[in-house]
Amino acid sequence: MARVDLTPEEARMLRDVLESYLSDLRMEIAGTESMSFRENLKKTETFLKGLLPRLREPA
């Protein structure tokens, strides 16, 4: 498994970027008509939602 060591500041910045992207992603999911594309976006959303808590854990 790959491991990336981040400083607390780097982790905070990455969380901010991912949370912003998630917000945009939710809007894109809602506006997407293609069912297959929507499912791929939902998989990305699920992955990111699982990743964010791990960035909040203390090192």
N, C-alpha and C. Protein backbone atom coordinates (compact mmCIF):
# COMPACT_ATOMS: atom_id res chain seq x y z
N MET A 1 0.84 -1.17 0.00
CA MET A 1 0.00 0.00 0.00
C MET A 1 0.88 1.24 0.00
N ALA A 2 0.50 2.22 -0.79
CA ALA A 2 1.24 3.48 -0.84
C ALA A 2 0.94 4.31 0.39
N ARG A 3 1.94 5.05 0.82
CA ARG A 3 1.78 5.91 1.99
C ARG A 3 2.33 7.28 1.64
N VAL A 4 1.58 8.30 1.99
CA VAL A 4 2.01 9.67 1.76
C VAL A 4 2.01 10.36 3.12
N ASP A 5 3.14 10.88 3.51
CA ASP A 5 3.24 11.63 4.77
C ASP A 5 3.02 13.11 4.47
N LEU A 6 2.07 13.69 5.18
CA LEU A 6 1.74 15.10 4.99
C LEU A 6 1.93 15.85 6.30
N THR A 7 2.36 17.08 6.18
CA THR A 7 2.38 17.93 7.35
C THR A 7 0.92 18.26 7.70
N PRO A 8 0.66 18.71 8.91
CA PRO A 8 -0.72 19.10 9.25
C PRO A 8 -1.27 20.16 8.29
N GLU A 9 -0.45 21.09 7.89
CA GLU A 9 -0.89 22.14 6.96
C GLU A 9 -1.22 21.54 5.59
N GLU A 10 -0.39 20.63 5.10
CA GLU A 10 -0.66 19.98 3.82
C GLU A 10 -1.95 19.17 3.88
N ALA A 11 -2.16 18.47 4.98
CA ALA A 11 -3.38 17.67 5.14
C ALA A 11 -4.60 18.59 5.16
N ARG A 12 -4.51 19.73 5.84
CA ARG A 12 -5.62 20.67 5.90
C ARG A 12 -5.94 21.22 4.51
N MET A 13 -4.89 21.57 3.77
CA MET A 13 -5.09 22.10 2.42
C MET A 13 -5.70 21.05 1.50
N LEU A 14 -5.25 19.82 1.61
CA LEU A 14 -5.79 18.74 0.79
C LEU A 14 -7.26 18.49 1.15
N ARG A 15 -7.58 18.50 2.43
CA ARG A 15 -8.99 18.36 2.85
C ARG A 15 -9.85 19.47 2.26
N ASP A 16 -9.33 20.70 2.33
CA ASP A 16 -10.09 21.83 1.78
C ASP A 16 -10.36 21.66 0.29
N VAL A 17 -9.34 21.24 -0.44
CA VAL A 17 -9.49 21.03 -1.89
C VAL A 17 -10.51 19.92 -2.16
N LEU A 18 -10.38 18.82 -1.44
CA LEU A 18 -11.30 17.69 -1.67
C LEU A 18 -12.73 18.04 -1.28
N GLU A 19 -12.91 18.77 -0.19
CA GLU A 19 -14.26 19.16 0.22
C GLU A 19 -14.89 20.10 -0.80
N SER A 20 -14.09 20.99 -1.35
CA SER A 20 -14.59 21.89 -2.40
C SER A 20 -14.97 21.10 -3.64
N TYR A 21 -14.12 20.15 -4.02
CA TYR A 21 -14.40 19.32 -5.18
C TYR A 21 -15.66 18.48 -4.96
N LEU A 22 -15.83 17.96 -3.74
CA LEU A 22 -17.02 17.17 -3.43
C LEU A 22 -18.29 17.99 -3.60
N SER A 23 -18.25 19.23 -3.19
CA SER A 23 -19.40 20.11 -3.34
C SER A 23 -19.75 20.27 -4.82
N ASP A 24 -18.74 20.52 -5.64
CA ASP A 24 -18.97 20.65 -7.08
C ASP A 24 -19.43 19.33 -7.68
N LEU A 25 -18.86 18.24 -7.20
CA LEU A 25 -19.20 16.92 -7.72
C LEU A 25 -20.67 16.60 -7.47
N ARG A 26 -21.19 16.95 -6.29
CA ARG A 26 -22.60 16.70 -5.98
C ARG A 26 -23.51 17.44 -6.96
N MET A 27 -23.13 18.67 -7.29
CA MET A 27 -23.92 19.43 -8.26
C MET A 27 -23.84 18.80 -9.64
N GLU A 28 -22.67 18.29 -10.00
CA GLU A 28 -22.51 17.64 -11.30
C GLU A 28 -23.33 16.35 -11.36
N ILE A 29 -23.33 15.59 -10.28
CA ILE A 29 -24.12 14.36 -10.23
C ILE A 29 -25.59 14.69 -10.45
N ALA A 30 -26.06 15.71 -9.76
CA ALA A 30 -27.48 16.09 -9.86
C ALA A 30 -27.86 16.52 -11.28
N GLY A 31 -26.91 17.12 -12.00
CA GLY A 31 -27.22 17.62 -13.33
C GLY A 31 -26.86 16.68 -14.47
N THR A 32 -26.39 15.50 -14.15
CA THR A 32 -25.95 14.56 -15.19
C THR A 32 -27.10 13.67 -15.62
N GLU A 33 -27.33 13.61 -16.91
CA GLU A 33 -28.41 12.79 -17.44
C GLU A 33 -27.96 11.37 -17.75
N SER A 34 -26.69 11.20 -18.10
CA SER A 34 -26.18 9.87 -18.45
C SER A 34 -26.06 9.02 -17.19
N MET A 35 -26.80 7.93 -17.16
CA MET A 35 -26.81 7.06 -15.99
C MET A 35 -25.43 6.45 -15.72
N SER A 36 -24.72 6.03 -16.74
CA SER A 36 -23.41 5.42 -16.53
C SER A 36 -22.40 6.45 -16.02
N PHE A 37 -22.46 7.66 -16.57
CA PHE A 37 -21.56 8.71 -16.10
C PHE A 37 -21.89 9.09 -14.67
N ARG A 38 -23.18 9.15 -14.35
CA ARG A 38 -23.61 9.46 -12.98
C ARG A 38 -23.10 8.41 -12.00
N GLU A 39 -23.17 7.15 -12.37
CA GLU A 39 -22.68 6.09 -11.49
C GLU A 39 -21.18 6.21 -11.26
N ASN A 40 -20.43 6.57 -12.29
CA ASN A 40 -18.98 6.77 -12.12
C ASN A 40 -18.71 7.95 -11.18
N LEU A 41 -19.49 9.02 -11.32
CA LEU A 41 -19.31 10.16 -10.43
C LEU A 41 -19.65 9.79 -8.99
N LYS A 42 -20.67 8.96 -8.81
CA LYS A 42 -21.05 8.53 -7.46
C LYS A 42 -19.96 7.66 -6.84
N LYS A 43 -19.30 6.84 -7.65
CA LYS A 43 -18.19 6.03 -7.14
C LYS A 43 -17.04 6.94 -6.68
N THR A 44 -16.78 7.99 -7.44
CA THR A 44 -15.75 8.95 -7.06
C THR A 44 -16.14 9.64 -5.75
N GLU A 45 -17.41 10.02 -5.64
CA GLU A 45 -17.90 10.67 -4.43
C GLU A 45 -17.72 9.74 -3.22
N THR A 46 -18.09 8.49 -3.36
CA THR A 46 -17.96 7.53 -2.27
C THR A 46 -16.50 7.37 -1.85
N PHE A 47 -15.61 7.28 -2.83
CA PHE A 47 -14.18 7.16 -2.54
C PHE A 47 -13.68 8.36 -1.75
N LEU A 48 -14.03 9.56 -2.21
CA LEU A 48 -13.55 10.77 -1.55
C LEU A 48 -14.14 10.91 -0.15
N LYS A 49 -15.38 10.54 0.02
CA LYS A 49 -16.00 10.59 1.35
C LYS A 49 -15.29 9.64 2.31
N GLY A 50 -14.78 8.54 1.81
CA GLY A 50 -14.03 7.60 2.64
C GLY A 50 -12.62 8.08 2.93
N LEU A 51 -12.07 8.86 2.03
CA LEU A 51 -10.71 9.36 2.18
C LEU A 51 -10.63 10.53 3.16
N LEU A 52 -11.60 11.41 3.13
CA LEU A 52 -11.56 12.60 3.98
C LEU A 52 -11.37 12.30 5.46
N PRO A 53 -12.10 11.36 6.06
CA PRO A 53 -11.88 11.08 7.48
C PRO A 53 -10.46 10.61 7.79
N ARG A 54 -9.85 9.92 6.85
CA ARG A 54 -8.49 9.43 7.06
C ARG A 54 -7.49 10.59 7.08
N LEU A 55 -7.82 11.70 6.40
CA LEU A 55 -6.96 12.87 6.43
C LEU A 55 -7.11 13.64 7.73
N ARG A 56 -8.16 13.37 8.47
CA ARG A 56 -8.39 14.06 9.74
C ARG A 56 -7.76 13.33 10.90
N GLU A 57 -7.38 12.06 10.69
CA GLU A 57 -6.78 11.28 11.76
C GLU A 57 -5.40 11.82 12.11
N PRO A 58 -5.07 11.84 13.40
CA PRO A 58 -3.72 12.30 13.76
C PRO A 58 -2.67 11.33 13.24
N ALA A 59 -1.54 11.89 12.86
CA ALA A 59 -0.46 11.06 12.32
C ALA A 59 0.21 10.24 13.40
